[in-house]
Protein backbone atom coordinates (compact mmCIF):
# COMPACT_ATOMS: atom_id res chain seq x y z
CA MET A 1 7.61 13.53 -12.81
CA ARG A 2 6.95 15.31 -9.53
CA ALA A 3 8.90 14.23 -6.46
CA PRO A 4 6.89 13.26 -3.36
CA LYS A 5 6.76 15.83 -0.59
CA ALA A 6 9.27 15.50 2.23
CA ALA A 7 8.26 13.35 5.19
CA ASN A 8 8.61 16.30 7.58
CA SER A 9 6.20 18.46 5.59
CA THR A 10 3.15 19.65 7.51
CA SER A 11 0.94 19.42 4.43
CA LEU A 12 1.06 15.64 3.94
CA ASN A 13 -2.24 13.90 3.34
CA GLY A 14 -2.80 10.18 3.08
CA THR A 15 -5.37 7.80 1.72
CA VAL A 16 -5.89 4.11 2.30
CA ILE A 17 -7.46 1.94 -0.37
CA TRP A 18 -8.27 -1.53 0.94
CA PHE A 19 -9.21 -4.19 -1.63
CA THR A 20 -11.29 -7.09 -0.38
CA GLY A 21 -12.72 -10.07 -2.20
CA LEU A 22 -12.48 -13.75 -2.87
CA SER A 23 -9.24 -15.53 -3.63
CA GLY A 24 -8.36 -15.17 -7.30
CA ALA A 25 -10.72 -12.22 -7.82
CA GLY A 26 -7.93 -9.92 -9.06
CA LYS A 27 -7.23 -7.79 -5.99
CA THR A 28 -3.45 -7.91 -6.41
CA THR A 29 -3.66 -7.32 -10.16
CA LEU A 30 -5.84 -4.26 -9.58
CA ALA A 31 -3.60 -2.96 -6.77
CA VAL A 32 -0.43 -3.29 -8.88
CA ALA A 33 -2.06 -1.51 -11.84
CA LEU A 34 -3.36 1.30 -9.61
CA LYS A 35 0.07 1.69 -7.97
CA LYS A 36 1.72 2.12 -11.38
CA LYS A 37 -0.85 4.73 -12.46
CA LEU A 38 -0.49 6.72 -9.24
CA GLU A 39 3.32 6.63 -9.39
CA VAL A 40 3.22 8.03 -12.93
CA THR A 41 1.40 11.08 -11.53
CA GLY A 42 4.13 11.54 -8.91
CA GLN A 43 2.20 10.12 -5.98
CA ALA A 44 4.12 8.26 -3.28
CA VAL A 45 2.55 4.80 -3.07
CA LEU A 46 3.07 1.90 -0.69
CA ARG A 47 1.38 -1.43 -1.44
CA ILE A 48 1.23 -3.77 1.53
CA GLY A 49 0.03 -7.34 1.10
CA TRP A 50 -2.05 -9.12 3.69
CA ARG A 51 0.68 -11.72 4.28
CA SER A 52 3.17 -9.08 5.44
CA ILE A 53 0.58 -7.60 7.81
CA THR A 54 -0.18 -10.97 9.42
CA GLN A 55 3.53 -11.81 9.73
CA ARG A 56 4.21 -8.54 11.56
CA VAL A 57 1.31 -9.10 13.92
CA LYS A 58 2.40 -12.67 14.67
CA PHE A 59 5.97 -11.51 15.30
CA ARG A 60 4.84 -8.81 17.73
CA LEU A 61 2.64 -11.32 19.54
CA GLY A 62 5.45 -13.86 19.70
CA VAL A 63 3.60 -16.33 17.47
CA PHE A 64 5.79 -17.83 14.78
C-alpha cells in the first residue's frame, strides 16, 4: 500500500464528493464503501458527516 503524500508537499490535489439524497437512501453506506475502496489504493480519505458539519457551525456561531 502506498503512503499518502506529506501535507507540506506542493503537489497535493484534492477532490470533494458530496452525496445528497433522501433519508435512508444509502448515502452513508455508499460513502463508507467508497472510502474503503479508495484507502485500498493508498488514497488519503476523510469522510465527514453532515451532523459534524452542523455542530461545528453552531459552535462557531455560539448556538448550542
